[in-house]
C-alpha atoms as a PDB file:
ATOM      1  CA  UNK A   1      -9.704   7.888  -3.879  1.00  0.00           C
ATOM      2  CA  UNK A   2      -9.973  11.223  -2.248  1.00  0.00           C
ATOM      3  CA  UNK A   3      -7.158  11.602   0.150  1.00  0.00           C
ATOM      4  CA  UNK A   4      -9.110  13.522   2.737  1.00  0.00           C
ATOM      5  CA  UNK A   5     -11.728  10.961   2.872  1.00  0.00           C
ATOM      6  CA  UNK A   6      -8.936   8.157   3.375  1.00  0.00           C
ATOM      7  CA  UNK A   7      -7.423  10.291   6.176  1.00  0.00           C
ATOM      8  CA  UNK A   8     -10.660  10.525   7.831  1.00  0.00           C
ATOM      9  CA  UNK A   9     -11.026   6.751   7.590  1.00  0.00           C
ATOM     10  CA  UNK A  10      -7.484   6.153   8.737  1.00  0.00           C
ATOM     11  CA  UNK A  11      -7.890   8.487  11.706  1.00  0.00           C
ATOM     12  CA  UNK A  12     -11.209   6.551  12.731  1.00  0.00           C
ATOM     13  CA  UNK A  13      -9.385   3.419  12.958  1.00  0.00           C
ATOM     14  CA  UNK A  14      -7.487   4.815  15.960  1.00  0.00           C
ATOM     15  CA  UNK A  15     -10.830   5.910  17.776  1.00  0.00           C
ATOM     16  CA  UNK A  16     -12.135   2.736  19.692  1.00  0.00           C
ATOM     17  CA  UNK A  17     -15.768   4.046  19.011  1.00  0.00           C
ATOM     18  CA  UNK A  18     -15.404   4.258  15.376  1.00  0.00           C
ATOM     19  CA  UNK A  19     -12.678   1.450  14.672  1.00  0.00           C
ATOM     20  CA  UNK A  20     -14.923  -1.273  13.587  1.00  0.00           C
ATOM     21  CA  UNK A  21     -17.069   0.735  11.054  1.00  0.00           C
ATOM     22  CA  UNK A  22     -13.695   2.262   9.628  1.00  0.00           C
ATOM     23  CA  UNK A  23     -12.189  -1.258   9.197  1.00  0.00           C
ATOM     24  CA  UNK A  24     -15.422  -2.263   7.371  1.00  0.00           C
ATOM     25  CA  UNK A  25     -15.041   0.738   5.142  1.00  0.00           C
ATOM     26  CA  UNK A  26     -11.456   0.064   4.554  1.00  0.00           C
ATOM     27  CA  UNK A  27     -12.453  -3.545   3.621  1.00  0.00           C
ATOM     28  CA  UNK A  28     -14.832  -2.050   1.231  1.00  0.00           C
ATOM     29  CA  UNK A  29     -12.729   0.535  -0.631  1.00  0.00           C
ATOM     30  CA  UNK A  30      -9.487  -1.266  -0.794  1.00  0.00           C
ATOM     31  CA  UNK A  31     -10.698  -3.042  -3.881  1.00  0.00           C
ATOM     32  CA  UNK A  32     -11.290   0.111  -5.919  1.00  0.00           C
ATOM     33  CA  UNK A  33      -8.552   0.809  -8.463  1.00  0.00           C
ATOM     34  CA  UNK A  34      -6.515   3.510  -7.425  1.00  0.00           C
ATOM     35  CA  UNK A  35      -6.810   2.966  -3.501  1.00  0.00           C
ATOM     36  CA  UNK A  36      -3.277   1.575  -2.927  1.00  0.00           C
ATOM     37  CA  UNK A  37      -1.433   4.341  -4.723  1.00  0.00           C
ATOM     38  CA  UNK A  38      -3.807   6.816  -2.995  1.00  0.00           C
ATOM     39  CA  UNK A  39      -2.914   5.270   0.373  1.00  0.00           C
ATOM     40  CA  UNK A  40       0.771   5.525  -0.416  1.00  0.00           C
ATOM     41  CA  UNK A  41       0.404   9.118  -1.297  1.00  0.00           C
ATOM     42  CA  UNK A  42      -1.478   9.466   2.233  1.00  0.00           C
ATOM     43  CA  UNK A  43       1.323   7.897   3.979  1.00  0.00           C
ATOM     44  CA  UNK A  44       3.767  10.269   2.401  1.00  0.00           C
ATOM     45  CA  UNK A  45       1.909  13.576   3.424  1.00  0.00           C
ATOM     46  CA  UNK A  46       3.949  15.336   5.993  1.00  0.00           C
ATOM     47  CA  UNK A  47       0.802  17.325   6.881  1.00  0.00           C
ATOM     48  CA  UNK A  48      -0.928  14.222   8.185  1.00  0.00           C
ATOM     49  CA  UNK A  49      -0.269  13.272  11.734  1.00  0.00           C
ATOM     50  CA  UNK A  50       2.202  10.454  12.073  1.00  0.00           C
ATOM     51  CA  UNK A  51      -0.108   8.049  13.749  1.00  0.00           C
ATOM     52  CA  UNK A  52      -2.515   8.236  10.881  1.00  0.00           C
ATOM     53  CA  UNK A  53       0.360   7.707   8.419  1.00  0.00           C
ATOM     54  CA  UNK A  54       1.483   4.817  10.349  1.00  0.00           C
ATOM     55  CA  UNK A  55      -1.887   3.251  10.212  1.00  0.00           C
ATOM     56  CA  UNK A  56      -1.997   3.947   6.557  1.00  0.00           C
ATOM     57  CA  UNK A  57       1.439   2.240   5.751  1.00  0.00           C
ATOM     58  CA  UNK A  58       0.577  -0.859   7.918  1.00  0.00           C
ATOM     59  CA  UNK A  59      -2.482  -1.220   6.092  1.00  0.00           C
ATOM     60  CA  UNK A  60      -0.600  -0.872   2.620  1.00  0.00           C
ATOM     61  CA  UNK A  61       2.013  -3.328   4.036  1.00  0.00           C
ATOM     62  CA  UNK A  62      -0.688  -5.913   4.912  1.00  0.00           C
ATOM     63  CA  UNK A  63      -2.255  -5.251   1.387  1.00  0.00           C
ATOM     64  CA  UNK A  64       1.007  -5.849  -0.366  1.00  0.00           C
ATOM     65  CA  UNK A  65       1.607  -8.924   1.551  1.00  0.00           C
ATOM     66  CA  UNK A  66      -1.772 -10.292   1.101  1.00  0.00           C
ATOM     67  CA  UNK A  67      -3.084  -9.222  -2.381  1.00  0.00           C
ATOM     68  CA  UNK A  68      -0.102  -8.169  -4.413  1.00  0.00           C
ATOM     69  CA  UNK A  69       0.298 -11.420  -6.340  1.00  0.00           C
ATOM     70  CA  UNK A  70      -2.354 -12.692  -8.844  1.00  0.00           C
ATOM     71  CA  UNK A  71      -4.021 -15.752  -7.603  1.00  0.00           C
ATOM     72  CA  UNK A  72      -5.615 -18.321  -9.642  1.00  0.00           C
ATOM     73  CA  UNK A  73      -9.217 -18.265 -10.068  1.00  0.00           C
ATOM     74  CA  UNK A  74     -11.161 -21.626  -9.207  1.00  0.00           C
ATOM     75  CA  UNK A  75     -14.151 -22.290 -11.383  1.00  0.00           C
ATOM     76  CA  UNK A  76     -17.301 -21.815  -9.586  1.00  0.00           C
ATOM     77  CA  UNK A  77     -15.698 -19.897  -6.692  1.00  0.00           C
ATOM     78  CA  UNK A  78     -15.969 -16.178  -6.108  1.00  0.00           C
ATOM     79  CA  UNK A  79     -13.411 -14.000  -7.713  1.00  0.00           C
ATOM     80  CA  UNK A  80     -10.331 -13.572  -5.619  1.00  0.00           C
ATOM     81  CA  UNK A  81      -9.007 -10.076  -5.082  1.00  0.00           C
ATOM     82  CA  UNK A  82      -5.445  -8.907  -5.983  1.00  0.00           C
ATOM     83  CA  UNK A  83      -4.375  -5.401  -6.448  1.00  0.00           C
ATOM     84  CA  UNK A  84      -4.868  -4.308 -10.011  1.00  0.00           C
ATOM     85  CA  UNK A  85      -1.864  -4.165 -12.094  1.00  0.00           C
ATOM     86  CA  UNK A  86      -2.345  -0.443 -12.774  1.00  0.00           C
ATOM     87  CA  UNK A  87      -1.970   0.114  -8.927  1.00  0.00           C
ATOM     88  CA  UNK A  88       0.800  -2.322  -8.810  1.00  0.00           C
ATOM     89  CA  UNK A  89       2.846  -0.202 -11.586  1.00  0.00           C
ATOM     90  CA  UNK A  90       2.019   3.184  -9.783  1.00  0.00           C
ATOM     91  CA  UNK A  91       3.301   1.958  -6.602  1.00  0.00           C
ATOM     92  CA  UNK A  92       6.447   0.242  -8.108  1.00  0.00           C
ATOM     93  CA  UNK A  93       7.186   3.674  -9.709  1.00  0.00           C
ATOM     94  CA  UNK A  94       6.908   5.719  -6.532  1.00  0.00           C
ATOM     95  CA  UNK A  95       7.853   3.539  -3.537  1.00  0.00           C
ATOM     96  CA  UNK A  96      11.794   3.771  -3.940  1.00  0.00           C
ATOM     97  CA  UNK A  97      11.284   7.612  -3.787  1.00  0.00           C
ATOM     98  CA  UNK A  98       8.855   7.129  -0.864  1.00  0.00           C
ATOM     99  CA  UNK A  99      11.541   5.139   1.111  1.00  0.00           C
ATOM    100  CA  UNK A 100      14.082   8.116   0.617  1.00  0.00           C
ATOM    101  CA  UNK A 101      11.774  10.665   1.948  1.00  0.00           C
ATOM    102  CA  UNK A 102       9.923   8.922   4.554  1.00  0.00           C
ATOM    103  CA  UNK A 103      10.060   9.171   8.367  1.00  0.00           C
ATOM    104  CA  UNK A 104      12.025   6.248   9.972  1.00  0.00           C
ATOM    105  CA  UNK A 105       8.982   4.713  11.474  1.00  0.00           C
ATOM    106  CA  UNK A 106       7.326   4.770   7.965  1.00  0.00           C
ATOM    107  CA  UNK A 107      10.445   3.550   6.267  1.00  0.00           C
ATOM    108  CA  UNK A 108      10.431   0.120   8.188  1.00  0.00           C
ATOM    109  CA  UNK A 109       7.209  -0.549   6.834  1.00  0.00           C
ATOM    110  CA  UNK A 110       7.861   0.573   3.364  1.00  0.00           C
ATOM    111  CA  UNK A 111      10.860  -1.695   3.354  1.00  0.00           C
ATOM    112  CA  UNK A 112       8.784  -4.597   4.142  1.00  0.00           C
ATOM    113  CA  UNK A 113       6.531  -3.589   1.212  1.00  0.00           C
ATOM    114  CA  UNK A 114       9.502  -3.388  -1.095  1.00  0.00           C
ATOM    115  CA  UNK A 115      10.597  -6.859   0.148  1.00  0.00           C
ATOM    116  CA  UNK A 116       7.110  -8.515  -0.895  1.00  0.00           C
ATOM    117  CA  UNK A 117       7.011  -6.707  -4.022  1.00  0.00           C
ATOM    118  CA  UNK A 118      10.412  -7.980  -5.161  1.00  0.00           C
ATOM    119  CA  UNK A 119       9.447 -11.467  -4.000  1.00  0.00           C
ATOM    120  CA  UNK A 120       6.409 -11.596  -6.077  1.00  0.00           C
ATOM    121  CA  UNK A 121       7.647  -9.652  -9.060  1.00  0.00           C
ATOM    122  CA  UNK A 122      10.943 -10.956  -9.517  1.00  0.00           C
ATOM    123  CA  UNK A 123      12.348 -11.548 -12.169  1.00  0.00           C
ATOM    124  CA  UNK A 124       9.677  -9.749 -14.393  1.00  0.00           C
ATOM    125  CA  UNK A 125       8.657  -6.491 -12.846  1.00  0.00           C
ATOM    126  CA  UNK A 126      10.854  -6.829  -9.901  1.00  0.00           C
ATOM    127  CA  UNK A 127      14.116  -5.991 -11.965  1.00  0.00           C
ATOM    128  CA  UNK A 128      12.738  -2.600 -12.889  1.00  0.00           C
ATOM    129  CA  UNK A 129      12.160  -1.916  -9.052  1.00  0.00           C
ATOM    130  CA  UNK A 130      15.676  -3.177  -8.074  1.00  0.00           C
ATOM    131  CA  UNK A 131      17.315  -1.296 -10.700  1.00  0.00           C
ATOM    132  CA  UNK A 132      15.598   1.949  -9.714  1.00  0.00           C
ATOM    133  CA  UNK A 133      16.582   0.958  -6.012  1.00  0.00           C
ATOM    134  CA  UNK A 134      19.890   0.552  -6.869  1.00  0.00           C
ATOM    135  CA  UNK A 135      20.437   3.753  -8.842  1.00  0.00           C
ATOM    136  CA  UNK A 136      18.517   5.727  -5.962  1.00  0.00           C
ATOM    137  CA  UNK A 137      20.831   4.362  -3.298  1.00  0.00           C
ATOM    138  CA  UNK A 138      24.335   3.989  -4.909  1.00  0.00           C
END
């Protein structure tokens, strides 16, 4: 997803006159492959105002908590959304570095993301993330 468009949507979530429309837009686009890594990218852009980045990291934290884990599909029911594995791999690959360079207000939310990722992925993919984490912070 285009970073500038995403920044515009996140900025609109803070405007009472635009919030509802912006939240609906986020609900639609968060299912697009590439959205979650784009969101992390925006969160880490120092050129973007901190409140916009905070809105982005909170949205990312909520997405990870709610949609990281694959869910069982029930026959006859609509497909249940989960973050695509390609996006999960990209986030796993970059979130530790993001933690290192993030502002404190952002880092707190990213730490919650990491906690949830490890909770859902361990031992499988979670081991890679933990190893990267340990080497980064040794």
